[in-house]
Amino acid sequence: TKTTKVRFLVHNIFKSWGKLTKLGPFDIIICDPPSYQKGSFVAKSDYAKVIRRLPTLLTSEGYALLCLNAPELDIQFLMDTVQNETSGKLQFVKLLPNPKAYLPIKYP
């Protein structure tokens, strides 16, 4: 049997690359940043900085679960950002549906 370690890390990711690199590589990374947090994170401009670093933090078989809570940005924004920032090192696998509690969102 494989021993599994699960850690929930709450960090300012822009100040924690070194620590995250030392703890990794990871089998899965869940990125669920705020869409806008003044002085800290703005999805439209900052998500690319996070996505760019994911390949170095993941195992070769690892997954990144990326959440996007910005109504002004669509799934294509996220897919294009992943493609552009990782040079194809990460690939889209699946879009998870929103919970029924959320308003329906139309994707292309």
Protein backbone atom coordinates (compact mmCIF):
# COMPACT_ATOMS: atom_id res chain seq x y z
CA THR A 1 0.00 0.00 0.00
CA LYS A 2 1.05 3.52 -0.70
CA THR A 3 1.27 5.96 2.17
CA THR A 4 -0.51 9.17 1.30
CA LYS A 5 0.37 12.54 2.70
CA VAL A 6 -2.22 15.24 2.34
CA ARG A 7 -1.43 18.82 3.23
CA PHE A 8 -3.62 21.87 3.09
CA LEU A 9 -1.34 24.84 2.65
CA VAL A 10 -2.63 28.35 3.06
CA HIS A 11 0.10 30.63 1.79
CA ASN A 12 0.63 33.84 -0.08
CA ILE A 13 1.87 31.87 -3.04
CA PHE A 14 3.96 34.73 -4.40
CA LYS A 15 6.02 34.70 -1.19
CA SER A 16 6.15 30.91 -0.79
CA TRP A 17 7.70 29.47 -3.98
CA GLY A 18 10.81 28.28 -2.13
CA LYS A 19 8.84 26.50 0.58
CA LEU A 20 6.47 24.92 -1.93
CA THR A 21 9.36 23.74 -4.08
CA LYS A 22 11.01 22.10 -1.04
CA LEU A 23 7.76 20.34 -0.06
CA GLY A 24 7.09 19.12 -3.62
CA PRO A 25 6.76 17.69 -6.07
CA PHE A 26 3.03 17.23 -5.63
CA ASP A 27 0.64 14.70 -7.16
CA ILE A 28 -2.15 17.26 -7.18
CA ILE A 29 -2.33 21.00 -6.68
CA ILE A 30 -5.63 22.76 -6.16
CA CYS A 31 -5.55 26.44 -7.06
CA ASP A 32 -8.58 28.35 -5.89
CA PRO A 33 -7.48 31.97 -5.68
CA PRO A 34 -9.80 34.90 -5.16
CA SER A 35 -10.82 36.58 -8.40
CA TYR A 36 -9.87 39.94 -6.89
CA GLN A 37 -8.12 40.75 -3.65
CA LYS A 38 -6.80 44.32 -3.62
CA GLY A 39 -3.04 44.45 -3.26
CA SER A 40 -2.69 40.67 -3.37
CA PHE A 41 -4.28 38.89 -6.34
CA VAL A 42 -6.15 39.87 -9.48
CA ALA A 43 -7.07 36.83 -11.56
CA LYS A 44 -6.75 38.52 -14.94
CA SER A 45 -3.15 39.59 -14.36
CA ASP A 46 -1.86 37.26 -11.62
CA TYR A 47 -3.23 33.80 -12.46
CA ALA A 48 -0.64 33.49 -15.26
CA LYS A 49 2.16 33.89 -12.70
CA VAL A 50 0.80 30.94 -10.70
CA ILE A 51 0.12 28.74 -13.72
CA ARG A 52 3.61 29.38 -15.09
CA ARG A 53 5.15 27.71 -12.00
CA LEU A 54 2.87 24.67 -11.78
CA PRO A 55 4.93 22.30 -13.97
CA THR A 56 7.91 22.68 -11.61
CA LEU A 57 5.75 21.89 -8.57
CA LEU A 58 3.97 18.82 -9.97
CA THR A 59 5.18 15.24 -10.39
CA SER A 60 5.38 14.02 -13.98
CA GLU A 61 1.95 12.38 -13.53
CA GLY A 62 0.54 15.21 -11.41
CA TYR A 63 -2.69 17.14 -11.85
CA ALA A 64 -3.59 20.77 -11.30
CA LEU A 65 -7.20 21.54 -10.41
CA LEU A 66 -7.71 25.17 -11.36
CA CYS A 67 -10.69 27.14 -10.11
CA LEU A 68 -11.79 30.44 -11.60
CA ASN A 69 -14.28 32.53 -9.67
CA ALA A 70 -14.19 35.63 -11.84
CA PRO A 71 -17.49 36.12 -13.69
CA GLU A 72 -15.84 38.47 -16.18
CA LEU A 73 -13.41 35.71 -17.27
CA ASP A 74 -14.51 32.57 -19.07
CA ILE A 75 -13.10 29.06 -19.31
CA GLN A 76 -11.27 30.01 -22.51
CA PHE A 77 -9.22 32.54 -20.50
CA LEU A 78 -8.07 29.76 -18.20
CA MET A 79 -7.37 27.29 -21.01
CA ASP A 80 -5.44 29.88 -23.05
CA THR A 81 -3.43 30.92 -19.99
CA VAL A 82 -2.46 27.33 -19.24
CA GLN A 83 -1.41 26.74 -22.85
CA ASN A 84 0.53 30.00 -23.14
CA GLU A 85 2.25 29.87 -19.75
CA THR A 86 3.25 26.19 -19.67
CA SER A 87 4.22 25.67 -23.33
CA GLY A 88 1.99 22.60 -23.45
CA LYS A 89 3.47 20.97 -20.32
CA LEU A 90 -0.01 20.90 -18.79
CA GLN A 91 -3.02 19.68 -20.73
CA PHE A 92 -6.72 20.22 -20.24
CA VAL A 93 -8.37 17.00 -19.04
CA LYS A 94 -11.88 17.84 -17.95
CA LEU A 95 -14.20 20.68 -17.03
CA LEU A 96 -15.98 20.00 -13.76
CA PRO A 97 -19.56 21.27 -13.69
CA ASN A 98 -20.55 24.02 -11.30
CA PRO A 99 -22.65 22.94 -8.33
CA LYS A 100 -26.40 23.34 -8.85
CA ALA A 101 -26.42 26.09 -6.23
CA TYR A 102 -24.64 28.39 -8.71
CA LEU A 103 -26.36 30.11 -11.59
CA PRO A 104 -25.86 28.32 -14.88
CA ILE A 105 -22.85 29.50 -16.80
CA LYS A 106 -22.62 29.04 -20.54
CA TYR A 107 -19.27 27.81 -21.85
CA PRO A 108 -18.20 27.79 -25.47
